[in-house]
Protein backbone atom coordinates (compact mmCIF):
# COMPACT_ATOMS: atom_id res chain seq x y z
CA UNK A 1 30.86 -41.71 -10.14
CA UNK A 2 28.70 -40.04 -12.72
CA UNK A 3 25.52 -41.67 -11.36
CA UNK A 4 26.14 -40.24 -8.11
CA UNK A 5 26.81 -36.71 -9.33
CA UNK A 6 23.46 -37.10 -11.09
CA UNK A 7 21.87 -38.02 -7.95
CA UNK A 8 23.37 -34.93 -6.16
CA UNK A 9 22.25 -32.79 -9.00
CA UNK A 10 18.56 -33.98 -8.77
CA UNK A 11 18.76 -33.67 -4.76
CA UNK A 12 20.00 -30.16 -5.24
CA UNK A 13 17.15 -29.35 -7.81
CA UNK A 14 14.53 -30.64 -5.40
CA UNK A 15 15.98 -28.55 -2.46
CA UNK A 16 15.84 -25.37 -4.65
CA UNK A 17 12.45 -26.25 -5.77
CA UNK A 18 11.41 -26.55 -1.93
CA UNK A 19 12.95 -23.50 -1.10
CA UNK A 20 11.30 -21.51 -3.82
CA UNK A 21 7.80 -23.03 -3.16
CA UNK A 22 8.17 -22.25 0.59
CA UNK A 23 9.05 -18.41 -0.25
CA UNK A 24 6.21 -18.31 -2.70
CA UNK A 25 3.80 -19.91 -0.17
CA UNK A 26 4.93 -17.66 2.64
CA UNK A 27 4.43 -14.47 0.26
CA UNK A 28 0.79 -15.81 -0.60
CA UNK A 29 -0.09 -16.15 3.06
CA UNK A 30 1.32 -12.87 4.01
CA UNK A 31 -2.04 -10.83 4.73
CA UNK A 32 -0.24 -7.53 4.21
CA UNK A 33 1.77 -8.47 0.99
CA UNK A 34 -0.21 -5.59 -1.12
CA UNK A 35 1.16 -3.20 1.64
CA UNK A 36 4.78 -4.26 0.90
CA UNK A 37 5.97 -6.77 3.44
CA UNK A 38 9.56 -5.17 3.03
CA UNK A 39 8.46 -1.72 3.58
CA UNK A 40 9.55 0.11 6.84
CA UNK A 41 9.63 3.27 8.45
CA UNK A 42 12.84 5.04 7.27
CA UNK A 43 15.38 5.51 9.95
CA UNK A 44 15.85 9.23 9.55
CA UNK A 45 14.66 12.37 7.72
CA UNK A 46 13.33 11.76 4.33
CA UNK A 47 11.24 13.65 1.50
CA UNK A 48 7.74 12.39 1.02
CA UNK A 49 7.08 14.56 -1.97
CA UNK A 50 5.77 18.30 -2.68
CA UNK A 51 2.92 19.50 -0.75
CA UNK A 52 1.00 19.67 -3.69
CA UNK A 53 0.98 15.81 -4.02
CA UNK A 54 -1.27 15.74 -1.08
CA UNK A 55 -4.64 17.24 -1.53
CA UNK A 56 -6.74 18.67 1.08
CA UNK A 57 -9.36 16.38 2.85
CA UNK A 58 -8.68 13.40 0.83
CA UNK A 59 -7.58 9.75 1.96
CA UNK A 60 -4.23 9.29 3.77
CA UNK A 61 -1.32 9.01 1.25
CA UNK A 62 1.11 6.07 1.73
CA UNK A 63 4.56 7.41 1.21
CA UNK A 64 6.41 5.73 -1.66
CA UNK A 65 7.55 2.28 -0.30
CA UNK A 66 7.26 3.15 3.54
CA UNK A 67 5.04 2.54 6.42
CA UNK A 68 4.34 6.23 6.78
CA UNK A 69 1.16 8.07 5.77
CA UNK A 70 0.62 11.81 5.02
CA UNK A 71 -2.58 13.60 5.99
CA UNK A 72 -3.40 17.01 4.79
CA UNK A 73 -6.37 18.51 6.65
CA UNK A 74 -7.50 21.98 7.24
CA UNK A 75 -5.07 22.13 10.19
CA UNK A 76 -2.04 21.59 8.05
CA UNK A 77 0.15 18.45 7.25
CA UNK A 78 0.66 15.52 9.51
CA UNK A 79 2.66 12.20 9.29
CA UNK A 80 1.21 9.09 10.95
CA UNK A 81 3.06 5.53 11.34
CA UNK A 82 1.63 3.03 9.23
CA UNK A 83 2.92 0.27 11.54
CA UNK A 84 0.46 -1.13 14.20
CA UNK A 85 1.80 -0.59 17.74
CA UNK A 86 0.39 -4.17 18.59
CA UNK A 87 3.02 -6.29 16.47
CA UNK A 88 4.39 -3.82 14.00
CA UNK A 89 2.25 -5.09 11.05
CA UNK A 90 1.32 -2.47 8.47
CA UNK A 91 -1.94 -0.78 8.61
CA UNK A 92 -4.00 0.24 5.65
CA UNK A 93 -6.60 2.98 5.15
CA UNK A 94 -10.16 1.99 5.19
CA UNK A 95 -13.38 3.18 3.60
CA UNK A 96 -14.68 6.23 5.60
CA UNK A 97 -11.39 7.27 7.09
CA UNK A 98 -9.31 5.45 9.69
CA UNK A 99 -6.94 2.55 9.29
CA UNK A 100 -6.85 -1.14 9.92
CA UNK A 101 -4.32 -3.90 10.68
CA UNK A 102 -4.65 -6.90 8.56
CA UNK A 103 -2.72 -9.09 10.91
CA UNK A 104 -4.67 -9.20 14.29
CA UNK A 105 -7.68 -6.72 13.50
CA UNK A 106 -6.78 -3.56 15.32
CA UNK A 107 -8.75 -0.53 14.02
CA UNK A 108 -7.71 3.24 14.33
CA UNK A 109 -9.58 6.48 13.70
CA UNK A 110 -8.54 8.76 10.86
CA UNK A 111 -6.25 10.53 13.37
CA UNK A 112 -4.56 7.19 14.72
CA UNK A 113 -6.49 6.88 17.68
CA UNK A 114 -6.91 3.17 18.47
CA UNK A 115 -10.62 2.09 18.30
CA UNK A 116 -10.37 -1.53 18.55
CA UNK A 117 -7.60 -3.99 19.92
CA UNK A 118 -5.49 -5.83 20.38
CA UNK A 119 -3.42 -2.56 19.83
CA UNK A 120 -3.35 -0.61 22.99
CA UNK A 121 -1.84 2.44 21.78
CA UNK A 122 -2.49 4.96 19.08
CA UNK A 123 -0.51 5.19 15.70
CA UNK A 124 2.68 7.49 16.17
CA UNK A 125 2.70 10.92 14.62
CA UNK A 126 5.96 12.24 13.19
CA UNK A 127 7.50 15.59 12.76
CA UNK A 128 6.69 17.23 9.42
CA UNK A 129 8.52 20.33 7.84
CA UNK A 130 8.70 21.90 4.34
CA UNK A 131 11.92 22.90 3.02
CA UNK A 132 13.12 23.67 -0.50
CA UNK A 133 9.57 22.86 -1.84
CA UNK A 134 9.61 19.30 -0.24
CA UNK A 135 7.60 17.97 2.25
CA UNK A 136 10.00 16.34 4.85
CA UNK A 137 9.14 13.76 7.35
CA UNK A 138 11.48 12.87 10.44
CA UNK A 139 10.44 9.66 11.94
CA UNK A 140 13.16 9.84 14.64
CA UNK A 141 10.96 12.88 16.02
CA UNK A 142 7.58 11.84 17.36
CA UNK A 143 4.94 14.56 18.08
CA UNK A 144 1.82 14.59 19.86
CA UNK A 145 -1.43 13.47 18.01
CA UNK A 146 -2.91 16.49 16.36
CA UNK A 147 0.48 18.22 15.70
CA UNK A 148 0.09 19.78 12.24
CA UNK A 149 2.73 21.58 10.03
CA UNK A 150 1.26 24.84 8.96
CA UNK A 151 4.21 26.52 7.34
C-alpha cells in the first residue's frame, strides 16, 4: 500500500508541475503581459491621481493597474480606454503619439481614432472631473471623442 501512495504522490507532483509549466508558458506567450493581462477598466468612478501628476503635452499616462489612459492637452484633461475595441486586448502608447494593440495590430491616433484595423471603432472616451483635488474618471459614462474636462 505504501508503494501505491508513493506512486500517487509522484503522479500528483507531475500534474502540479505540468499545471505550473502551462501557466508559465501562457504568461510568456501573452503579448501584452507587460501591460498587465489582469488589468481591466474599473466598473465605476475612480480616482486617477492629482491633476499635477499629468503634465501638459506629454505622453498618455496609464492609470495605476487599469486599462485607462489620461491625456492632458491644452484643451484640458481626458480619459481614453486602453482596451482595443476589436477584441478587448490592451493597447499601449507608441513613439510619436497614438496607441497600438499588440494582439492583432490595430493602431490608433493620439486621440484614439482608429488608423489601422482590424479594429473598426475608435477608442472610447470616458467622463473626467476634478473633485477635492483628485482627477476622477467614470468609465460608466462615455463622452464624445474630443471631450475635455477644463474645470
